[in-house]
Structures are given as structure tokens and as C-alpha cells.
């Protein structure tokens, strides 16, 4: 095993230290079924099947207040599907997943959700 030991990581021009503040890794993800069961997940504790194509998932660790569609992504089975994710009831602990078919109607589908924002 090798060690990497440094005192400073410098900017490419060598004039200043690099600021390592932003973490660009997924903070939570899930694989969900048509009835909101989690088949696999990280930082999601449970799901609720609200109505066809509309699912609420609870985060194990709350997300920061700025969580919105720009921090979330969803894929759903079949090329005819697309997804939209919002923050549910405006809390930072529930993620609302809506899956629509090609006619823009809510429709059940297995799905995969990724959250890349900051945790609270």
C-alpha cells in the first residue's frame, strides 16, 4: 500500500491552495418498485405509493434546505417514461418522485433515484 503525503495542494498556476469544499458525490440513491418498495438504497429508509406514478421516499439523513430538482435525478423503466422529482411537502426529509408516461399521465414503473445535493 502507498501513502500520499502533502502539505498543500496548489492551484494549477501554483499561486494559491486549492479549495476542497464541494463534495460532488451522490448522497442518496434508491432502486424502487412500482409499489414504492426499496430493492436497494443508500440514505433512504422507506417509500409510500401515494397514487399510480407518485411515490414519496423518506431520507435517513435530512437534505439541506436548498434541495430541488437541480440536485435530483430519476430514471424509469422503458423509453416512454420520464421522471420529475421535487421536495414533496417542502420538508427536507421527503423526496417526491413522479413518473409520467409518453402521454404525460402519471404511470407506475420501476425507477432509480439519485440525490447529489448536500446533507443538512
PDB file of N, CA and C in Angstrom:
ATOM      1  N   UNK A   1       0.839  -1.166   0.000  1.00  0.00           N
ATOM      2  CA  UNK A   1       0.000   0.000   0.000  1.00  0.00           C
ATOM      3  C   UNK A   1       0.892   1.241   0.000  1.00  0.00           C
ATOM      4  N   UNK A   2       0.466   2.268  -0.742  1.00  0.00           N
ATOM      5  CA  UNK A   2       1.229   3.515  -0.836  1.00  0.00           C
ATOM      6  C   UNK A   2       0.534   4.624  -0.077  1.00  0.00           C
ATOM      7  N   UNK A   3       1.327   5.565   0.426  1.00  0.00           N
ATOM      8  CA  UNK A   3       0.806   6.755   1.089  1.00  0.00           C
ATOM      9  C   UNK A   3       1.072   7.963   0.222  1.00  0.00           C
ATOM     10  N   UNK A   4       0.135   8.883   0.235  1.00  0.00           N
ATOM     11  CA  UNK A   4       0.318  10.175  -0.420  1.00  0.00           C
ATOM     12  C   UNK A   4       0.299  11.214   0.686  1.00  0.00           C
ATOM     13  N   UNK A   5       1.424  11.865   0.906  1.00  0.00           N
ATOM     14  CA  UNK A   5       1.540  12.857   1.980  1.00  0.00           C
ATOM     15  C   UNK A   5       1.953  14.188   1.386  1.00  0.00           C
ATOM     16  N   UNK A   6       1.130  15.195   1.613  1.00  0.00           N
ATOM     17  CA  UNK A   6       1.423  16.532   1.094  1.00  0.00           C
ATOM     18  C   UNK A   6       1.083  17.561   2.158  1.00  0.00           C
ATOM     19  N   UNK A   7       1.730  18.718   2.087  1.00  0.00           N
ATOM     20  CA  UNK A   7       1.403  19.829   2.972  1.00  0.00           C
ATOM     21  C   UNK A   7       0.343  20.732   2.352  1.00  0.00           C
ATOM     22  N   UNK A   8       0.404  20.904   1.032  1.00  0.00           N
ATOM     23  CA  UNK A   8      -0.528  21.796   0.343  1.00  0.00           C
ATOM     24  C   UNK A   8      -0.825  21.250  -1.047  1.00  0.00           C
ATOM     25  N   UNK A   9      -2.076  21.338  -1.443  1.00  0.00           N
ATOM     26  CA  UNK A   9      -2.450  21.079  -2.834  1.00  0.00           C
ATOM     27  C   UNK A   9      -2.679  22.453  -3.443  1.00  0.00           C
ATOM     28  N   UNK A  10      -1.892  22.798  -4.456  1.00  0.00           N
ATOM     29  CA  UNK A  10      -1.937  24.144  -5.023  1.00  0.00           C
ATOM     30  C   UNK A  10      -2.769  24.201  -6.290  1.00  0.00           C
ATOM     31  N   UNK A  11      -3.277  25.413  -6.568  1.00  0.00           N
ATOM     32  CA  UNK A  11      -3.974  25.662  -7.825  1.00  0.00           C
ATOM     33  C   UNK A  11      -3.016  25.389  -8.981  1.00  0.00           C
ATOM     34  N   UNK A  12      -3.567  25.186 -10.173  1.00  0.00           N
ATOM     35  CA  UNK A  12      -2.731  24.819 -11.317  1.00  0.00           C
ATOM     36  C   UNK A  12      -1.664  25.856 -11.642  1.00  0.00           C
ATOM     37  N   UNK A  13      -1.907  27.122 -11.298  1.00  0.00           N
ATOM     38  CA  UNK A  13      -0.882  28.151 -11.550  1.00  0.00           C
ATOM     39  C   UNK A  13       0.099  28.279 -10.385  1.00  0.00           C
ATOM     40  N   UNK A  14      -0.087  27.503  -9.309  1.00  0.00           N
ATOM     41  CA  UNK A  14       0.833  27.485  -8.185  1.00  0.00           C
ATOM     42  C   UNK A  14       0.742  28.673  -7.252  1.00  0.00           C
ATOM     43  N   UNK A  15      -0.260  29.526  -7.425  1.00  0.00           N
ATOM     44  CA  UNK A  15      -0.329  30.752  -6.633  1.00  0.00           C
ATOM     45  C   UNK A  15      -1.142  30.637  -5.351  1.00  0.00           C
ATOM     46  N   UNK A  16      -1.971  29.609  -5.227  1.00  0.00           N
ATOM     47  CA  UNK A  16      -2.825  29.507  -4.041  1.00  0.00           C
ATOM     48  C   UNK A  16      -3.219  28.055  -3.786  1.00  0.00           C
ATOM     49  N   UNK A  17      -3.614  27.768  -2.542  1.00  0.00           N
ATOM     50  CA  UNK A  17      -4.090  26.416  -2.257  1.00  0.00           C
ATOM     51  C   UNK A  17      -5.434  26.160  -2.943  1.00  0.00           C
ATOM     52  N   UNK A  18      -5.706  24.927  -3.246  1.00  0.00           N
ATOM     53  CA  UNK A  18      -6.981  24.552  -3.835  1.00  0.00           C
ATOM     54  C   UNK A  18      -8.013  24.469  -2.717  1.00  0.00           C
ATOM     55  N   UNK A  19      -9.186  25.004  -2.972  1.00  0.00           N
ATOM     56  CA  UNK A  19     -10.276  24.924  -2.007  1.00  0.00           C
ATOM     57  C   UNK A  19     -11.053  23.641  -2.255  1.00  0.00           C
ATOM     58  N   UNK A  20     -11.088  22.771  -1.270  1.00  0.00           N
ATOM     59  CA  UNK A  20     -11.773  21.487  -1.395  1.00  0.00           C
ATOM     60  C   UNK A  20     -13.023  21.504  -0.521  1.00  0.00           C
ATOM     61  N   UNK A  21     -14.034  22.261  -0.934  1.00  0.00           N
ATOM     62  CA  UNK A  21     -15.227  22.388  -0.115  1.00  0.00           C
ATOM     63  C   UNK A  21     -16.438  21.673  -0.694  1.00  0.00           C
ATOM     64  N   UNK A  22     -16.550  21.560  -1.981  1.00  0.00           N
ATOM     65  CA  UNK A  22     -17.728  20.976  -2.600  1.00  0.00           C
ATOM     66  C   UNK A  22     -17.544  19.477  -2.763  1.00  0.00           C
ATOM     67  N   UNK A  23     -18.524  18.719  -2.322  1.00  0.00           N
ATOM     68  CA  UNK A  23     -18.476  17.275  -2.463  1.00  0.00           C
ATOM     69  C   UNK A  23     -19.428  16.869  -3.579  1.00  0.00           C
ATOM     70  N   UNK A  24     -18.907  16.375  -4.661  1.00  0.00           N
ATOM     71  CA  UNK A  24     -19.691  16.054  -5.850  1.00  0.00           C
ATOM     72  C   UNK A  24     -20.046  14.573  -5.921  1.00  0.00           C
ATOM     73  N   UNK A  25     -20.409  13.980  -4.824  1.00  0.00           N
ATOM     74  CA  UNK A  25     -20.759  12.560  -4.807  1.00  0.00           C
ATOM     75  C   UNK A  25     -22.227  12.405  -4.458  1.00  0.00           C
ATOM     76  N   UNK A  26     -22.826  11.307  -4.895  1.00  0.00           N
ATOM     77  CA  UNK A  26     -24.214  11.019  -4.544  1.00  0.00           C
ATOM     78  C   UNK A  26     -24.336  10.858  -3.039  1.00  0.00           C
ATOM     79  N   UNK A  27     -25.309  11.534  -2.444  1.00  0.00           N
ATOM     80  CA  UNK A  27     -25.544  11.435  -1.005  1.00  0.00           C
ATOM     81  C   UNK A  27     -26.629  10.419  -0.685  1.00  0.00           C
ATOM     82  N   UNK A  28     -27.456  10.095  -1.689  1.00  0.00           N
ATOM     83  CA  UNK A  28     -28.517   9.117  -1.503  1.00  0.00           C
ATOM     84  C   UNK A  28     -28.945   8.595  -2.858  1.00  0.00           C
ATOM     85  N   UNK A  29     -29.353   7.337  -2.894  1.00  0.00           N
ATOM     86  CA  UNK A  29     -29.901   6.766  -4.118  1.00  0.00           C
ATOM     87  C   UNK A  29     -30.821   5.621  -3.742  1.00  0.00           C
ATOM     88  N   UNK A  30     -31.723   5.278  -4.657  1.00  0.00           N
ATOM     89  CA  UNK A  30     -32.610   4.151  -4.406  1.00  0.00           C
ATOM     90  C   UNK A  30     -32.997   3.490  -5.706  1.00  0.00           C
ATOM     91  N   UNK A  31     -33.327   2.228  -5.593  1.00  0.00           N
ATOM     92  CA  UNK A  31     -33.946   1.463  -6.658  1.00  0.00           C
ATOM     93  C   UNK A  31     -35.311   1.073  -6.135  1.00  0.00           C
ATOM     94  N   UNK A  32     -36.384   1.566  -6.787  1.00  0.00           N
ATOM     95  CA  UNK A  32     -37.733   1.363  -6.280  1.00  0.00           C
ATOM     96  C   UNK A  32     -38.604   0.565  -7.229  1.00  0.00           C
ATOM     97  N   UNK A  33     -39.594  -0.106  -6.655  1.00  0.00           N
ATOM     98  CA  UNK A  33     -40.546  -0.902  -7.432  1.00  0.00           C
ATOM     99  C   UNK A  33     -41.803  -0.083  -7.699  1.00  0.00           C
ATOM    100  N   UNK A  34     -42.758  -0.665  -8.431  1.00  0.00           N
ATOM    101  CA  UNK A  34     -43.999   0.038  -8.762  1.00  0.00           C
ATOM    102  C   UNK A  34     -44.873   0.292  -7.533  1.00  0.00           C
ATOM    103  N   UNK A  35     -44.590  -0.357  -6.406  1.00  0.00           N
ATOM    104  CA  UNK A  35     -45.346  -0.108  -5.183  1.00  0.00           C
ATOM    105  C   UNK A  35     -44.477   0.536  -4.095  1.00  0.00           C
ATOM    106  N   UNK A  36     -43.411   1.223  -4.491  1.00  0.00           N
ATOM    107  CA  UNK A  36     -42.538   2.017  -3.623  1.00  0.00           C
ATOM    108  C   UNK A  36     -41.701   1.190  -2.657  1.00  0.00           C
ATOM    109  N   UNK A  37     -41.537  -0.095  -2.909  1.00  0.00           N
ATOM    110  CA  UNK A  37     -40.607  -0.888  -2.108  1.00  0.00           C
ATOM    111  C   UNK A  37     -39.191  -0.588  -2.564  1.00  0.00           C
ATOM    112  N   UNK A  38     -38.263  -0.501  -1.616  1.00  0.00           N
ATOM    113  CA  UNK A  38     -36.858  -0.277  -1.930  1.00  0.00           C
ATOM    114  C   UNK A  38     -36.199  -1.627  -2.185  1.00  0.00           C
ATOM    115  N   UNK A  39     -35.696  -1.839  -3.398  1.00  0.00           N
ATOM    116  CA  UNK A  39     -34.962  -3.071  -3.670  1.00  0.00           C
ATOM    117  C   UNK A  39     -33.498  -2.921  -3.295  1.00  0.00           C
ATOM    118  N   UNK A  40     -33.024  -1.675  -3.258  1.00  0.00           N
ATOM    119  CA  UNK A  40     -31.669  -1.356  -2.810  1.00  0.00           C
ATOM    120  C   UNK A  40     -31.628   0.153  -2.599  1.00  0.00           C
ATOM    121  N   UNK A  41     -30.825   0.613  -1.636  1.00  0.00           N
ATOM    122  CA  UNK A  41     -30.802   2.055  -1.393  1.00  0.00           C
ATOM    123  C   UNK A  41     -29.624   2.460  -0.528  1.00  0.00           C
ATOM    124  N   UNK A  42     -29.329   3.757  -0.555  1.00  0.00           N
ATOM    125  CA  UNK A  42     -28.365   4.391   0.324  1.00  0.00           C
ATOM    126  C   UNK A  42     -29.012   5.674   0.829  1.00  0.00           C
ATOM    127  N   UNK A  43     -29.161   5.823   2.147  1.00  0.00           N
ATOM    128  CA  UNK A  43     -29.716   7.003   2.797  1.00  0.00           C
ATOM    129  C   UNK A  43     -31.203   7.211   2.539  1.00  0.00           C
ATOM    130  N   UNK A  44     -31.922   6.195   2.078  1.00  0.00           N
ATOM    131  CA  UNK A  44     -33.381   6.224   2.024  1.00  0.00           C
ATOM    132  C   UNK A  44     -33.885   5.142   2.948  1.00  0.00           C
ATOM    133  N   UNK A  45     -34.931   5.453   3.756  1.00  0.00           N
ATOM    134  CA  UNK A  45     -35.396   4.488   4.745  1.00  0.00           C
ATOM    135  C   UNK A  45     -36.680   3.776   4.353  1.00  0.00           C
ATOM    136  N   UNK A  46     -37.567   4.441   3.618  1.00  0.00           N
ATOM    137  CA  UNK A  46     -38.842   3.816   3.271  1.00  0.00           C
ATOM    138  C   UNK A  46     -39.509   4.583   2.151  1.00  0.00           C
ATOM    139  N   UNK A  47     -40.532   3.960   1.562  1.00  0.00           N
ATOM    140  CA  UNK A  47     -41.283   4.593   0.496  1.00  0.00           C
ATOM    141  C   UNK A  47     -42.771   4.406   0.675  1.00  0.00           C
ATOM    142  N   UNK A  48     -43.549   5.331   0.109  1.00  0.00           N
ATOM    143  CA  UNK A  48     -45.011   5.253   0.136  1.00  0.00           C
ATOM    144  C   UNK A  48     -45.506   5.410  -1.288  1.00  0.00           C
ATOM    145  N   UNK A  49     -46.382   4.516  -1.725  1.00  0.00           N
ATOM    146  CA  UNK A  49     -47.028   4.603  -3.033  1.00  0.00           C
ATOM    147  C   UNK A  49     -48.262   5.469  -2.857  1.00  0.00           C
ATOM    148  N   UNK A  50     -48.169   6.772  -3.198  1.00  0.00           N
ATOM    149  CA  UNK A  50     -49.261   7.720  -2.982  1.00  0.00           C
ATOM    150  C   UNK A  50     -50.424   7.399  -3.917  1.00  0.00           C
ATOM    151  N   UNK A  51     -50.179   7.447  -5.205  1.00  0.00           N
ATOM    152  CA  UNK A  51     -51.110   7.015  -6.261  1.00  0.00           C
ATOM    153  C   UNK A  51     -50.243   6.492  -7.388  1.00  0.00           C
ATOM    154  N   UNK A  52     -50.856   5.972  -8.440  1.00  0.00           N
ATOM    155  CA  UNK A  52     -50.084   5.452  -9.570  1.00  0.00           C
ATOM    156  C   UNK A  52     -49.095   6.493 -10.067  1.00  0.00           C
ATOM    157  N   UNK A  53     -47.805   6.133 -10.106  1.00  0.00           N
ATOM    158  CA  UNK A  53     -46.768   7.009 -10.624  1.00  0.00           C
ATOM    159  C   UNK A  53     -46.286   8.088  -9.683  1.00  0.00           C
ATOM    160  N   UNK A  54     -46.796   8.143  -8.471  1.00  0.00           N
ATOM    161  CA  UNK A  54     -46.412   9.169  -7.492  1.00  0.00           C
ATOM    162  C   UNK A  54     -45.938   8.466  -6.223  1.00  0.00           C
ATOM    163  N   UNK A  55     -44.663   8.672  -5.870  1.00  0.00           N
ATOM    164  CA  UNK A  55     -44.056   7.992  -4.735  1.00  0.00           C
ATOM    165  C   UNK A  55     -43.403   9.016  -3.814  1.00  0.00           C
ATOM    166  N   UNK A  56     -43.523   8.811  -2.507  1.00  0.00           N
ATOM    167  CA  UNK A  56     -42.796   9.607  -1.522  1.00  0.00           C
ATOM    168  C   UNK A  56     -41.775   8.707  -0.846  1.00  0.00           C
ATOM    169  N   UNK A  57     -40.528   9.171  -0.760  1.00  0.00           N
ATOM    170  CA  UNK A  57     -39.466   8.419  -0.102  1.00  0.00           C
ATOM    171  C   UNK A  57     -38.875   9.251   1.019  1.00  0.00           C
ATOM    172  N   UNK A  58     -38.606   8.615   2.151  1.00  0.00           N
ATOM    173  CA  UNK A  58     -38.022   9.291   3.308  1.00  0.00           C
ATOM    174  C   UNK A  58     -36.510   9.116   3.305  1.00  0.00           C
ATOM    175  N   UNK A  59     -35.808  10.235   3.483  1.00  0.00           N
ATOM    176  CA  UNK A  59     -34.360  10.204   3.616  1.00  0.00           C
ATOM    177  C   UNK A  59     -33.991   9.811   5.045  1.00  0.00           C
ATOM    178  N   UNK A  60     -32.986   8.972   5.201  1.00  0.00           N
ATOM    179  CA  UNK A  60     -32.487   8.618   6.527  1.00  0.00           C
ATOM    180  C   UNK A  60     -31.851   9.832   7.183  1.00  0.00           C
ATOM    181  N   UNK A  61     -31.048  10.583   6.424  1.00  0.00           N
ATOM    182  CA  UNK A  61     -30.417  11.824   6.892  1.00  0.00           C
ATOM    183  C   UNK A  61     -30.994  12.962   6.063  1.00  0.00           C
ATOM    184  N   UNK A  62     -31.491  13.998   6.725  1.00  0.00           N
ATOM    185  CA  UNK A  62     -32.142  15.108   6.036  1.00  0.00           C
ATOM    186  C   UNK A  62     -31.203  15.782   5.047  1.00  0.00           C
ATOM    187  N   UNK A  63     -31.789  16.324   3.985  1.00  0.00           N
ATOM    188  CA  UNK A  63     -31.039  17.075   2.986  1.00  0.00           C
ATOM    189  C   UNK A  63     -31.078  18.555   3.339  1.00  0.00           C
ATOM    190  N   UNK A  64     -30.111  19.300   2.831  1.00  0.00           N
ATOM    191  CA  UNK A  64     -30.062  20.745   3.067  1.00  0.00           C
ATOM    192  C   UNK A  64     -31.298  21.410   2.463  1.00  0.00           C
ATOM    193  N   UNK A  65     -31.643  22.570   2.972  1.00  0.00           N
ATOM    194  CA  UNK A  65     -32.879  23.249   2.583  1.00  0.00           C
ATOM    195  C   UNK A  65     -32.944  23.614   1.107  1.00  0.00           C
ATOM    196  N   UNK A  66     -31.804  23.745   0.417  1.00  0.00           N
ATOM    197  CA  UNK A  66     -31.832  24.146  -0.984  1.00  0.00           C
ATOM    198  C   UNK A  66     -32.163  22.992  -1.931  1.00  0.00           C
ATOM    199  N   UNK A  67     -32.486  21.810  -1.389  1.00  0.00           N
ATOM    200  CA  UNK A  67     -32.766  20.663  -2.249  1.00  0.00           C
ATOM    201  C   UNK A  67     -33.903  20.984  -3.217  1.00  0.00           C
ATOM    202  N   UNK A  68     -33.672  20.815  -4.509  1.00  0.00           N
ATOM    203  CA  UNK A  68     -34.700  20.983  -5.522  1.00  0.00           C
ATOM    204  C   UNK A  68     -34.355  20.103  -6.717  1.00  0.00           C
ATOM    205  N   UNK A  69     -35.088  20.285  -7.825  1.00  0.00           N
ATOM    206  CA  UNK A  69     -34.886  19.418  -8.988  1.00  0.00           C
ATOM    207  C   UNK A  69     -33.459  19.415  -9.508  1.00  0.00           C
ATOM    208  N   UNK A  70     -32.690  20.482  -9.281  1.00  0.00           N
ATOM    209  CA  UNK A  70     -31.332  20.540  -9.811  1.00  0.00           C
ATOM    210  C   UNK A  70     -30.380  19.610  -9.064  1.00  0.00           C
ATOM    211  N   UNK A  71     -30.784  19.104  -7.907  1.00  0.00           N
ATOM    212  CA  UNK A  71     -29.943  18.213  -7.128  1.00  0.00           C
ATOM    213  C   UNK A  71     -30.369  16.750  -7.253  1.00  0.00           C
ATOM    214  N   UNK A  72     -31.444  16.493  -8.013  1.00  0.00           N
ATOM    215  CA  UNK A  72     -32.029  15.168  -8.057  1.00  0.00           C
ATOM    216  C   UNK A  72     -32.156  14.673  -9.485  1.00  0.00           C
ATOM    217  N   UNK A  73     -32.116  13.352  -9.658  1.00  0.00           N
ATOM    218  CA  UNK A  73     -32.312  12.767 -10.966  1.00  0.00           C
ATOM    219  C   UNK A  73     -33.078  11.465 -10.837  1.00  0.00           C
ATOM    220  N   UNK A  74     -33.840  11.122 -11.871  1.00  0.00           N
ATOM    221  CA  UNK A  74     -34.610   9.878 -11.840  1.00  0.00           C
ATOM    222  C   UNK A  74     -34.583   9.224 -13.216  1.00  0.00           C
ATOM    223  N   UNK A  75     -34.508   7.911 -13.214  1.00  0.00           N
ATOM    224  CA  UNK A  75     -34.706   7.158 -14.441  1.00  0.00           C
ATOM    225  C   UNK A  75     -35.809   6.154 -14.175  1.00  0.00           C
ATOM    226  N   UNK A  76     -36.579   5.847 -15.200  1.00  0.00           N
ATOM    227  CA  UNK A  76     -37.679   4.897 -15.057  1.00  0.00           C
ATOM    228  C   UNK A  76     -37.628   3.911 -16.199  1.00  0.00           C
ATOM    229  N   UNK A  77     -38.132   2.717 -15.969  1.00  0.00           N
ATOM    230  CA  UNK A  77     -38.080   1.653 -16.970  1.00  0.00           C
ATOM    231  C   UNK A  77     -38.825   2.002 -18.243  1.00  0.00           C
ATOM    232  N   UNK A  78     -38.244   1.682 -19.376  1.00  0.00           N
ATOM    233  CA  UNK A  78     -38.893   1.884 -20.667  1.00  0.00           C
ATOM    234  C   UNK A  78     -38.635   3.266 -21.242  1.00  0.00           C
ATOM    235  N   UNK A  79     -38.401   3.347 -22.517  1.00  0.00           N
ATOM    236  CA  UNK A  79     -38.074   4.606 -23.173  1.00  0.00           C
ATOM    237  C   UNK A  79     -39.230   5.590 -23.169  1.00  0.00           C
ATOM    238  N   UNK A  80     -40.459   5.122 -22.949  1.00  0.00           N
ATOM    239  CA  UNK A  80     -41.620   6.012 -22.977  1.00  0.00           C
ATOM    240  C   UNK A  80     -41.798   6.784 -21.679  1.00  0.00           C
ATOM    241  N   UNK A  81     -40.961   6.551 -20.693  1.00  0.00           N
ATOM    242  CA  UNK A  81     -41.139   7.176 -19.391  1.00  0.00           C
ATOM    243  C   UNK A  81     -40.135   8.295 -19.156  1.00  0.00           C
ATOM    244  N   UNK A  82     -40.551   9.272 -18.390  1.00  0.00           N
ATOM    245  CA  UNK A  82     -39.634  10.279 -17.892  1.00  0.00           C
ATOM    246  C   UNK A  82     -40.044  10.583 -16.458  1.00  0.00           C
ATOM    247  N   UNK A  83     -39.183  11.225 -15.705  1.00  0.00           N
ATOM    248  CA  UNK A  83     -39.483  11.462 -14.302  1.00  0.00           C
ATOM    249  C   UNK A  83     -39.259  12.905 -13.897  1.00  0.00           C
ATOM    250  N   UNK A  84     -39.935  13.286 -12.829  1.00  0.00           N
ATOM    251  CA  UNK A  84     -39.727  14.590 -12.215  1.00  0.00           C
ATOM    252  C   UNK A  84     -39.659  14.355 -10.718  1.00  0.00           C
ATOM    253  N   UNK A  85     -38.715  14.999 -10.067  1.00  0.00           N
ATOM    254  CA  UNK A  85     -38.576  14.841  -8.627  1.00  0.00           C
ATOM    255  C   UNK A  85     -38.651  16.205  -7.986  1.00  0.00           C
ATOM    256  N   UNK A  86     -39.369  16.292  -6.895  1.00  0.00           N
ATOM    257  CA  UNK A  86     -39.458  17.524  -6.126  1.00  0.00           C
ATOM    258  C   UNK A  86     -39.251  17.206  -4.657  1.00  0.00           C
ATOM    259  N   UNK A  87     -39.479  18.190  -3.807  1.00  0.00           N
ATOM    260  CA  UNK A  87     -39.223  18.010  -2.385  1.00  0.00           C
ATOM    261  C   UNK A  87     -40.482  17.692  -1.597  1.00  0.00           C
ATOM    262  N   UNK A  88     -41.517  17.176  -2.238  1.00  0.00           N
ATOM    263  CA  UNK A  88     -42.699  16.735  -1.515  1.00  0.00           C
ATOM    264  C   UNK A  88     -43.370  17.871  -0.775  1.00  0.00           C
ATOM    265  N   UNK A  89     -43.502  17.720   0.517  1.00  0.00           N
ATOM    266  CA  UNK A  89     -44.238  18.683   1.336  1.00  0.00           C
ATOM    267  C   UNK A  89     -43.364  19.840   1.816  1.00  0.00           C
ATOM    268  N   UNK A  90     -42.335  20.181   1.108  1.00  0.00           N
ATOM    269  CA  UNK A  90     -41.367  21.257   1.387  1.00  0.00           C
ATOM    270  C   UNK A  90     -40.482  20.983   2.593  1.00  0.00           C
ATOM    271  N   UNK A  91     -40.547  19.793   3.182  1.00  0.00           N
ATOM    272  CA  UNK A  91     -39.582  19.438   4.206  1.00  0.00           C
ATOM    273  C   UNK A  91     -38.305  19.010   3.509  1.00  0.00           C
ATOM    274  N   UNK A  92     -37.276  18.777   4.266  1.00  0.00           N
ATOM    275  CA  UNK A  92     -36.025  18.326   3.675  1.00  0.00           C
ATOM    276  C   UNK A  92     -35.786  16.840   3.943  1.00  0.00           C
ATOM    277  N   UNK A  93     -36.839  16.114   4.323  1.00  0.00           N
ATOM    278  CA  UNK A  93     -36.679  14.692   4.621  1.00  0.00           C
ATOM    279  C   UNK A  93     -37.475  13.790   3.686  1.00  0.00           C
ATOM    280  N   UNK A  94     -38.315  14.366   2.839  1.00  0.00           N
ATOM    281  CA  UNK A  94     -39.141  13.570   1.930  1.00  0.00           C
ATOM    282  C   UNK A  94     -38.846  13.956   0.487  1.00  0.00           C
ATOM    283  N   UNK A  95     -38.595  12.962  -0.353  1.00  0.00           N
ATOM    284  CA  UNK A  95     -38.392  13.178  -1.787  1.00  0.00           C
ATOM    285  C   UNK A  95     -39.626  12.656  -2.507  1.00  0.00           C
ATOM    286  N   UNK A  96     -40.239  13.490  -3.328  1.00  0.00           N
ATOM    287  CA  UNK A  96     -41.443  13.141  -4.079  1.00  0.00           C
ATOM    288  C   UNK A  96     -41.038  12.794  -5.505  1.00  0.00           C
ATOM    289  N   UNK A  97     -41.316  11.576  -5.925  1.00  0.00           N
ATOM    290  CA  UNK A  97     -40.965  11.108  -7.264  1.00  0.00           C
ATOM    291  C   UNK A  97     -42.237  10.956  -8.069  1.00  0.00           C
ATOM    292  N   UNK A  98     -42.308  11.592  -9.224  1.00  0.00           N
ATOM    293  CA  UNK A  98     -43.455  11.458 -10.116  1.00  0.00           C
ATOM    294  C   UNK A  98     -42.957  10.914 -11.446  1.00  0.00           C
ATOM    295  N   UNK A  99     -43.578   9.844 -11.919  1.00  0.00           N
ATOM    296  CA  UNK A  99     -43.184   9.219 -13.175  1.00  0.00           C
ATOM    297  C   UNK A  99     -44.366   9.309 -14.144  1.00  0.00           C
ATOM    298  N   UNK A 100     -44.084   9.866 -15.318  1.00  0.00           N
ATOM    299  CA  UNK A 100     -45.114  10.088 -16.327  1.00  0.00           C
ATOM    300  C   UNK A 100     -44.833   9.235 -17.554  1.00  0.00           C
ATOM    301  N   UNK A 101     -45.898   8.799 -18.226  1.00  0.00           N
ATOM    302  CA  UNK A 101     -45.709   8.080 -19.485  1.00  0.00           C
ATOM    303  C   UNK A 101     -45.627   9.083 -20.638  1.00  0.00           C
ATOM    304  N   UNK A 102     -45.564   8.601 -21.851  1.00  0.00           N
ATOM    305  CA  UNK A 102     -45.384   9.483 -23.013  1.00  0.00           C
ATOM    306  C   UNK A 102     -46.577  10.405 -23.240  1.00  0.00           C
ATOM    307  N   UNK A 103     -47.716  10.108 -22.615  1.00  0.00           N
ATOM    308  CA  UNK A 103     -48.893  10.976 -22.715  1.00  0.00           C
ATOM    309  C   UNK A 103     -48.972  11.962 -21.552  1.00  0.00           C
ATOM    310  N   UNK A 104     -47.932  12.022 -20.749  1.00  0.00           N
ATOM    311  CA  UNK A 104     -47.823  12.914 -19.589  1.00  0.00           C
ATOM    312  C   UNK A 104     -48.741  12.527 -18.435  1.00  0.00           C
ATOM    313  N   UNK A 105     -49.280  11.314 -18.455  1.00  0.00           N
ATOM    314  CA  UNK A 105     -50.100  10.834 -17.341  1.00  0.00           C
ATOM    315  C   UNK A 105     -49.205  10.117 -16.338  1.00  0.00           C
ATOM    316  N   UNK A 106     -49.519  10.251 -15.048  1.00  0.00           N
ATOM    317  CA  UNK A 106     -48.778   9.507 -14.039  1.00  0.00           C
ATOM    318  C   UNK A 106     -48.914   8.021 -14.308  1.00  0.00           C
ATOM    319  N   UNK A 107     -47.792   7.317 -14.193  1.00  0.00           N
ATOM    320  CA  UNK A 107     -47.792   5.902 -14.540  1.00  0.00           C
ATOM    321  C   UNK A 107     -46.765   5.159 -13.707  1.00  0.00           C
ATOM    322  N   UNK A 108     -47.152   4.011 -13.148  1.00  0.00           N
ATOM    323  CA  UNK A 108     -46.229   3.202 -12.367  1.00  0.00           C
ATOM    324  C   UNK A 108     -45.116   2.628 -13.236  1.00  0.00           C
ATOM    325  N   UNK A 109     -43.918   2.602 -12.689  1.00  0.00           N
ATOM    326  CA  UNK A 109     -42.765   1.992 -13.337  1.00  0.00           C
ATOM    327  C   UNK A 109     -41.698   1.781 -12.288  1.00  0.00           C
ATOM    328  N   UNK A 110     -40.897   0.732 -12.444  1.00  0.00           N
ATOM    329  CA  UNK A 110     -39.723   0.620 -11.582  1.00  0.00           C
ATOM    330  C   UNK A 110     -38.838   1.819 -11.887  1.00  0.00           C
ATOM    331  N   UNK A 111     -38.048   2.258 -10.899  1.00  0.00           N
ATOM    332  CA  UNK A 111     -37.305   3.505 -11.069  1.00  0.00           C
ATOM    333  C   UNK A 111     -36.050   3.508 -10.212  1.00  0.00           C
ATOM    334  N   UNK A 112     -35.158   4.426 -10.571  1.00  0.00           N
ATOM    335  CA  UNK A 112     -33.898   4.617  -9.863  1.00  0.00           C
ATOM    336  C   UNK A 112     -33.750   6.110  -9.609  1.00  0.00           C
ATOM    337  N   UNK A 113     -33.460   6.496  -8.363  1.00  0.00           N
ATOM    338  CA  UNK A 113     -33.378   7.905  -7.970  1.00  0.00           C
ATOM    339  C   UNK A 113     -31.977   8.182  -7.408  1.00  0.00           C
ATOM    340  N   UNK A 114     -31.392   9.323  -7.790  1.00  0.00           N
ATOM    341  CA  UNK A 114     -30.095   9.741  -7.288  1.00  0.00           C
ATOM    342  C   UNK A 114     -30.213  11.161  -6.738  1.00  0.00           C
ATOM    343  N   UNK A 115     -29.703  11.402  -5.524  1.00  0.00           N
ATOM    344  CA  UNK A 115     -29.662  12.714  -4.909  1.00  0.00           C
ATOM    345  C   UNK A 115     -28.203  13.118  -4.735  1.00  0.00           C
ATOM    346  N   UNK A 116     -27.792  14.257  -5.308  1.00  0.00           N
ATOM    347  CA  UNK A 116     -26.385  14.662  -5.250  1.00  0.00           C
ATOM    348  C   UNK A 116     -26.165  15.980  -4.516  1.00  0.00           C
ATOM    349  N   UNK A 117     -27.181  16.488  -3.809  1.00  0.00           N
ATOM    350  CA  UNK A 117     -27.025  17.723  -3.062  1.00  0.00           C
ATOM    351  C   UNK A 117     -26.318  17.513  -1.733  1.00  0.00           C
ATOM    352  N   UNK A 118     -26.353  18.532  -0.888  1.00  0.00           N
ATOM    353  CA  UNK A 118     -25.707  18.458   0.412  1.00  0.00           C
ATOM    354  C   UNK A 118     -26.678  17.962   1.477  1.00  0.00           C
ATOM    355  N   UNK A 119     -26.167  17.193   2.411  1.00  0.00           N
ATOM    356  CA  UNK A 119     -26.970  16.777   3.549  1.00  0.00           C
ATOM    357  C   UNK A 119     -27.031  17.915   4.556  1.00  0.00           C
ATOM    358  N   UNK A 120     -28.110  17.956   5.320  1.00  0.00           N
ATOM    359  CA  UNK A 120     -28.302  19.025   6.302  1.00  0.00           C
ATOM    360  C   UNK A 120     -27.322  18.899   7.446  1.00  0.00           C
TER     361      UNK A 120
END
